[in-house]
Amino acid sequence: MTFKPATYAHASGLFKVTFTPDFGIRLGRTSTAVHIWNTAQPAINARTVYSALSLFPELYDEGNAPDDFALLSLREPKLYRLSEAGRYASLGESAAENVAEGFRKAIEDAGRKEDPDQPIAPHG
């Protein structure tokens, strides 16, 4: 199975996050879009993974929407399925707002106005 990537754009315009499924699989009767994570740093935790995954289900059209979303961590190894997120399944918007607030604060600290069309120059 294959599923297209989906991009979540925060309402502030400060950031976007793309979920890119590496493959799709049918687990029982459930089609699952899976992204593979094979990065040592940063370390991941269930709350963060499920919060991020919860941003994407509503971005898919019904015609090609997976029933579930997952992240396969090759470092642990563990499959994080959104359907198993429990209380973390609704934290996506709150987590996204925290990220946006971090960007707002960084922009403020840099003494710049919020202008999502003007990239922040790297330091160094």
N, C-alpha and C. Protein backbone atom coordinates (compact mmCIF):
# COMPACT_ATOMS: atom_id res chain seq x y z
N MET A 1 0.84 -1.17 0.00
CA MET A 1 0.00 0.00 0.00
C MET A 1 0.89 1.24 0.00
N THR A 2 0.41 2.28 -0.63
CA THR A 2 1.13 3.54 -0.60
C THR A 2 0.16 4.66 -0.22
N PHE A 3 0.69 5.63 0.47
CA PHE A 3 -0.07 6.81 0.85
C PHE A 3 0.79 8.03 0.56
N LYS A 4 0.15 9.09 0.14
CA LYS A 4 0.86 10.32 -0.16
C LYS A 4 1.24 11.04 1.13
N PRO A 5 2.27 11.89 1.08
CA PRO A 5 2.60 12.73 2.24
C PRO A 5 1.48 13.72 2.51
N ALA A 6 1.41 14.19 3.74
CA ALA A 6 0.47 15.23 4.12
C ALA A 6 1.22 16.27 4.93
N THR A 7 0.89 17.55 4.70
CA THR A 7 1.57 18.63 5.40
C THR A 7 0.60 19.39 6.29
N TYR A 8 0.97 19.49 7.55
CA TYR A 8 0.23 20.29 8.52
C TYR A 8 0.89 21.66 8.55
N ALA A 9 0.12 22.71 8.34
CA ALA A 9 0.62 24.08 8.43
C ALA A 9 -0.05 24.75 9.61
N HIS A 10 0.74 25.25 10.54
CA HIS A 10 0.18 25.93 11.70
C HIS A 10 -0.51 27.21 11.25
N ALA A 11 -1.61 27.55 11.88
CA ALA A 11 -2.42 28.72 11.50
C ALA A 11 -1.61 30.01 11.51
N SER A 12 -0.59 30.10 12.32
CA SER A 12 0.24 31.30 12.40
C SER A 12 1.14 31.47 11.18
N GLY A 13 1.34 30.40 10.44
CA GLY A 13 2.26 30.43 9.31
C GLY A 13 3.72 30.30 9.72
N LEU A 14 3.97 30.06 11.00
CA LEU A 14 5.35 30.01 11.49
C LEU A 14 6.06 28.70 11.17
N PHE A 15 5.32 27.62 10.96
CA PHE A 15 5.98 26.36 10.64
C PHE A 15 5.02 25.40 9.97
N LYS A 16 5.60 24.42 9.30
CA LYS A 16 4.88 23.32 8.66
C LYS A 16 5.59 22.03 9.03
N VAL A 17 4.83 20.96 9.08
CA VAL A 17 5.39 19.63 9.35
C VAL A 17 4.77 18.68 8.34
N THR A 18 5.61 17.86 7.72
CA THR A 18 5.11 16.90 6.73
C THR A 18 5.27 15.48 7.26
N PHE A 19 4.19 14.72 7.16
CA PHE A 19 4.22 13.29 7.46
C PHE A 19 4.40 12.59 6.12
N THR A 20 5.51 11.88 5.98
CA THR A 20 5.81 11.16 4.75
C THR A 20 5.84 9.67 5.05
N PRO A 21 4.76 8.97 4.68
CA PRO A 21 4.75 7.52 4.91
C PRO A 21 5.79 6.84 4.03
N ASP A 22 6.61 6.00 4.65
CA ASP A 22 7.59 5.22 3.89
C ASP A 22 6.95 3.99 3.26
N PHE A 23 5.88 3.52 3.89
CA PHE A 23 5.12 2.40 3.33
C PHE A 23 3.77 2.34 4.01
N GLY A 24 2.89 1.59 3.41
CA GLY A 24 1.58 1.30 4.00
C GLY A 24 1.47 -0.18 4.22
N ILE A 25 0.74 -0.55 5.25
CA ILE A 25 0.57 -1.97 5.58
C ILE A 25 -0.83 -2.18 6.10
N ARG A 26 -1.34 -3.35 5.86
CA ARG A 26 -2.65 -3.71 6.41
C ARG A 26 -2.40 -4.56 7.64
N LEU A 27 -2.81 -4.05 8.79
CA LEU A 27 -2.69 -4.76 10.06
C LEU A 27 -4.10 -5.19 10.46
N GLY A 28 -4.39 -6.45 10.24
CA GLY A 28 -5.77 -6.91 10.41
C GLY A 28 -6.61 -6.30 9.31
N ARG A 29 -7.63 -5.54 9.68
CA ARG A 29 -8.49 -4.88 8.70
C ARG A 29 -8.17 -3.39 8.57
N THR A 30 -7.08 -2.97 9.19
CA THR A 30 -6.73 -1.56 9.26
C THR A 30 -5.57 -1.22 8.33
N SER A 31 -5.79 -0.25 7.44
CA SER A 31 -4.68 0.23 6.60
C SER A 31 -3.91 1.27 7.42
N THR A 32 -2.60 1.09 7.46
CA THR A 32 -1.76 1.95 8.29
C THR A 32 -0.64 2.56 7.46
N ALA A 33 -0.53 3.89 7.53
CA ALA A 33 0.57 4.61 6.90
C ALA A 33 1.69 4.69 7.92
N VAL A 34 2.89 4.24 7.53
CA VAL A 34 4.01 4.14 8.47
C VAL A 34 5.21 4.96 7.99
N HIS A 35 5.73 5.75 8.92
CA HIS A 35 6.98 6.49 8.68
C HIS A 35 8.06 5.80 9.50
N ILE A 36 9.22 5.60 8.88
CA ILE A 36 10.34 4.94 9.56
C ILE A 36 11.23 6.00 10.22
N TRP A 37 11.57 5.78 11.48
CA TRP A 37 12.45 6.67 12.24
C TRP A 37 13.71 5.89 12.58
N ASN A 38 14.86 6.35 12.08
CA ASN A 38 16.11 5.65 12.33
C ASN A 38 17.19 6.66 12.76
N THR A 39 16.78 7.63 13.53
CA THR A 39 17.68 8.69 13.95
C THR A 39 17.96 8.56 15.44
N ALA A 40 19.21 8.63 15.82
CA ALA A 40 19.58 8.48 17.24
C ALA A 40 19.18 9.69 18.06
N GLN A 41 19.34 10.87 17.48
CA GLN A 41 19.01 12.11 18.20
C GLN A 41 18.07 12.94 17.34
N PRO A 42 17.08 13.56 17.85
CA PRO A 42 16.72 13.54 19.26
C PRO A 42 16.03 12.22 19.63
N ALA A 43 16.11 11.90 20.92
CA ALA A 43 15.39 10.72 21.41
C ALA A 43 13.89 11.00 21.29
N ILE A 44 13.13 9.98 21.05
CA ILE A 44 11.68 10.16 20.93
C ILE A 44 10.99 9.57 22.15
N ASN A 45 9.77 10.05 22.39
CA ASN A 45 8.95 9.48 23.44
C ASN A 45 7.52 9.37 22.92
N ALA A 46 6.75 8.52 23.55
CA ALA A 46 5.40 8.22 23.08
C ALA A 46 4.53 9.47 22.97
N ARG A 47 4.56 10.32 23.98
CA ARG A 47 3.71 11.51 23.97
C ARG A 47 4.00 12.38 22.75
N THR A 48 5.26 12.61 22.45
CA THR A 48 5.64 13.44 21.31
C THR A 48 5.23 12.79 19.99
N VAL A 49 5.49 11.51 19.86
CA VAL A 49 5.15 10.79 18.63
C VAL A 49 3.65 10.85 18.38
N TYR A 50 2.86 10.48 19.39
CA TYR A 50 1.41 10.46 19.22
C TYR A 50 0.84 11.85 18.99
N SER A 51 1.39 12.84 19.67
CA SER A 51 0.94 14.22 19.45
C SER A 51 1.17 14.63 18.00
N ALA A 52 2.35 14.33 17.49
CA ALA A 52 2.66 14.68 16.10
C ALA A 52 1.77 13.91 15.12
N LEU A 53 1.63 12.61 15.33
CA LEU A 53 0.79 11.81 14.43
C LEU A 53 -0.66 12.29 14.40
N SER A 54 -1.14 12.81 15.52
CA SER A 54 -2.55 13.22 15.60
C SER A 54 -2.87 14.45 14.75
N LEU A 55 -1.85 15.12 14.23
CA LEU A 55 -2.08 16.29 13.38
C LEU A 55 -2.51 15.91 11.96
N PHE A 56 -2.32 14.66 11.56
CA PHE A 56 -2.44 14.32 10.15
C PHE A 56 -3.72 13.65 9.67
N PRO A 57 -4.46 12.90 10.47
CA PRO A 57 -5.63 12.19 9.93
C PRO A 57 -6.62 13.06 9.17
N GLU A 58 -6.90 14.25 9.65
CA GLU A 58 -7.90 15.09 8.99
C GLU A 58 -7.39 15.74 7.71
N LEU A 59 -6.10 15.61 7.41
CA LEU A 59 -5.54 16.21 6.22
C LEU A 59 -5.68 15.33 4.98
N TYR A 60 -6.08 14.10 5.17
CA TYR A 60 -6.22 13.16 4.06
C TYR A 60 -7.64 13.15 3.53
N ASP A 61 -7.76 13.06 2.20
CA ASP A 61 -9.06 12.88 1.57
C ASP A 61 -9.55 11.48 1.86
N GLU A 62 -10.84 11.34 1.99
CA GLU A 62 -11.42 10.03 2.31
C GLU A 62 -11.05 8.95 1.31
N GLY A 63 -10.88 9.30 0.05
CA GLY A 63 -10.58 8.31 -0.97
C GLY A 63 -9.28 7.56 -0.78
N ASN A 64 -8.27 8.22 -0.21
CA ASN A 64 -6.97 7.58 -0.04
C ASN A 64 -6.42 7.81 1.37
N ALA A 65 -7.31 7.84 2.34
CA ALA A 65 -6.89 8.06 3.73
C ALA A 65 -6.59 6.72 4.40
N PRO A 66 -5.46 6.63 5.08
CA PRO A 66 -5.21 5.42 5.88
C PRO A 66 -6.15 5.40 7.08
N ASP A 67 -6.40 4.22 7.60
CA ASP A 67 -7.22 4.09 8.81
C ASP A 67 -6.42 4.46 10.06
N ASP A 68 -5.11 4.32 9.97
CA ASP A 68 -4.25 4.55 11.12
C ASP A 68 -2.92 5.13 10.64
N PHE A 69 -2.20 5.75 11.56
CA PHE A 69 -0.90 6.34 11.29
C PHE A 69 0.09 5.78 12.29
N ALA A 70 1.33 5.57 11.85
CA ALA A 70 2.31 4.98 12.76
C ALA A 70 3.70 5.49 12.46
N LEU A 71 4.54 5.36 13.48
CA LEU A 71 5.96 5.63 13.35
C LEU A 71 6.68 4.37 13.80
N LEU A 72 7.54 3.85 12.94
CA LEU A 72 8.34 2.68 13.26
C LEU A 72 9.72 3.15 13.66
N SER A 73 10.03 3.05 14.95
CA SER A 73 11.35 3.44 15.44
C SER A 73 12.27 2.23 15.35
N LEU A 74 13.27 2.33 14.49
CA LEU A 74 14.21 1.23 14.33
C LEU A 74 15.21 1.16 15.48
N ARG A 75 15.35 2.22 16.24
CA ARG A 75 16.30 2.26 17.35
C ARG A 75 15.82 1.46 18.55
N GLU A 76 14.52 1.34 18.75
CA GLU A 76 14.02 0.69 19.96
C GLU A 76 13.88 -0.82 19.82
N PRO A 77 13.47 -1.50 18.92
CA PRO A 77 12.50 -1.19 17.87
C PRO A 77 11.07 -1.20 18.44
N LYS A 78 10.25 -0.28 17.93
CA LYS A 78 8.88 -0.15 18.41
C LYS A 78 8.03 0.50 17.33
N LEU A 79 6.79 0.03 17.22
CA LEU A 79 5.82 0.62 16.31
C LEU A 79 4.83 1.43 17.14
N TYR A 80 4.84 2.75 16.94
CA TYR A 80 3.91 3.64 17.62
C TYR A 80 2.70 3.84 16.70
N ARG A 81 1.54 3.32 17.07
CA ARG A 81 0.33 3.45 16.26
C ARG A 81 -0.59 4.48 16.91
N LEU A 82 -1.06 5.42 16.14
CA LEU A 82 -1.94 6.46 16.66
C LEU A 82 -3.19 5.85 17.29
N SER A 83 -3.66 4.76 16.75
CA SER A 83 -4.86 4.10 17.30
C SER A 83 -4.63 3.59 18.72
N GLU A 84 -3.38 3.49 19.15
CA GLU A 84 -3.05 3.03 20.49
C GLU A 84 -2.61 4.17 21.41
N ALA A 85 -2.82 5.41 20.97
CA ALA A 85 -2.30 6.58 21.68
C ALA A 85 -3.05 6.90 22.97
N GLY A 86 -4.27 6.45 23.10
CA GLY A 86 -5.04 6.77 24.30
C GLY A 86 -5.16 8.27 24.50
N ARG A 87 -4.82 8.73 25.69
CA ARG A 87 -4.99 10.15 26.04
C ARG A 87 -4.09 11.08 25.23
N TYR A 88 -3.05 10.58 24.62
CA TYR A 88 -2.15 11.42 23.83
C TYR A 88 -2.70 11.74 22.44
N ALA A 89 -3.74 11.05 22.01
CA ALA A 89 -4.25 11.19 20.65
C ALA A 89 -4.85 12.57 20.36
N SER A 90 -5.14 13.35 21.38
CA SER A 90 -5.75 14.66 21.16
C SER A 90 -4.80 15.81 21.48
N LEU A 91 -3.53 15.54 21.65
CA LEU A 91 -2.58 16.58 22.07
C LEU A 91 -1.90 17.32 20.92
N GLY A 92 -2.19 16.94 19.69
CA GLY A 92 -1.49 17.50 18.55
C GLY A 92 -1.58 19.01 18.44
N GLU A 93 -2.77 19.56 18.50
CA GLU A 93 -2.94 21.01 18.36
C GLU A 93 -2.26 21.76 19.51
N SER A 94 -2.36 21.22 20.71
CA SER A 94 -1.72 21.84 21.86
C SER A 94 -0.19 21.83 21.70
N ALA A 95 0.35 20.71 21.25
CA ALA A 95 1.79 20.61 21.02
C ALA A 95 2.21 21.57 19.91
N ALA A 96 1.41 21.66 18.86
CA ALA A 96 1.73 22.57 17.75
C ALA A 96 1.73 24.02 18.24
N GLU A 97 0.80 24.35 19.10
CA GLU A 97 0.75 25.71 19.65
C GLU A 97 1.99 26.00 20.49
N ASN A 98 2.47 25.01 21.23
CA ASN A 98 3.71 25.18 22.01
C ASN A 98 4.91 25.42 21.09
N VAL A 99 4.97 24.71 19.97
CA VAL A 99 6.05 24.93 19.01
C VAL A 99 5.96 26.34 18.43
N ALA A 100 4.76 26.76 18.05
CA ALA A 100 4.58 28.10 17.50
C ALA A 100 4.98 29.16 18.52
N GLU A 101 4.63 28.94 19.77
CA GLU A 101 5.00 29.89 20.82
C GLU A 101 6.52 29.97 20.96
N GLY A 102 7.20 28.85 20.82
CA GLY A 102 8.66 28.85 20.85
C GLY A 102 9.23 29.68 19.71
N PHE A 103 8.64 29.56 18.50
CA PHE A 103 9.08 30.37 17.37
C PHE A 103 8.80 31.85 17.62
N ARG A 104 7.61 32.16 18.14
CA ARG A 104 7.27 33.56 18.44
C ARG A 104 8.28 34.16 19.41
N LYS A 105 8.61 33.41 20.43
CA LYS A 105 9.55 33.89 21.44
C LYS A 105 10.94 34.09 20.83
N ALA A 106 11.37 33.16 20.00
CA ALA A 106 12.68 33.30 19.34
C ALA A 106 12.71 34.52 18.44
N ILE A 107 11.61 34.75 17.72
CA ILE A 107 11.53 35.92 16.84
C ILE A 107 11.57 37.19 17.67
N GLU A 108 10.82 37.20 18.74
CA GLU A 108 10.81 38.36 19.65
C GLU A 108 12.19 38.60 20.23
N ASP A 109 12.84 37.53 20.67
CA ASP A 109 14.18 37.65 21.24
C ASP A 109 15.19 38.15 20.21
N ALA A 110 14.97 37.84 18.97
CA ALA A 110 15.87 38.30 17.91
C ALA A 110 15.55 39.73 17.49
N GLY A 111 14.48 40.28 18.06
CA GLY A 111 14.12 41.66 17.76
C GLY A 111 13.50 41.85 16.40
N ARG A 112 12.85 40.81 15.90
CA ARG A 112 12.23 40.89 14.58
C ARG A 112 10.74 40.75 14.70
N LYS A 113 10.01 41.32 13.75
CA LYS A 113 8.57 41.14 13.66
C LYS A 113 8.30 39.76 13.08
N GLU A 114 7.11 39.22 13.40
CA GLU A 114 6.72 37.94 12.82
C GLU A 114 6.41 38.13 11.34
N ASP A 115 7.26 37.60 10.51
CA ASP A 115 7.07 37.65 9.07
C ASP A 115 7.43 36.29 8.52
N PRO A 116 6.40 35.40 8.34
CA PRO A 116 6.70 34.04 7.91
C PRO A 116 7.33 33.95 6.53
N ASP A 117 7.26 35.02 5.73
CA ASP A 117 7.86 34.99 4.40
C ASP A 117 9.34 35.35 4.43
N GLN A 118 9.82 35.85 5.57
CA GLN A 118 11.22 36.24 5.68
C GLN A 118 11.93 35.22 6.58
N PRO A 119 12.78 34.36 6.00
CA PRO A 119 13.46 33.34 6.81
C PRO A 119 14.44 33.96 7.79
N ILE A 120 14.62 33.29 8.90
CA ILE A 120 15.58 33.73 9.90
C ILE A 120 16.96 33.26 9.44
N ALA A 121 17.91 34.20 9.38
CA ALA A 121 19.26 33.87 8.93
C ALA A 121 19.97 33.04 9.98
N PRO A 122 20.76 32.04 9.57
CA PRO A 122 21.49 31.22 10.52
C PRO A 122 22.59 32.05 11.20
N HIS A 123 22.89 31.70 12.44
CA HIS A 123 23.96 32.38 13.18
C HIS A 123 25.28 31.70 12.88
N GLY A 124 26.34 32.47 12.94
CA GLY A 124 27.63 31.84 12.84
C GLY A 124 28.54 32.39 11.89
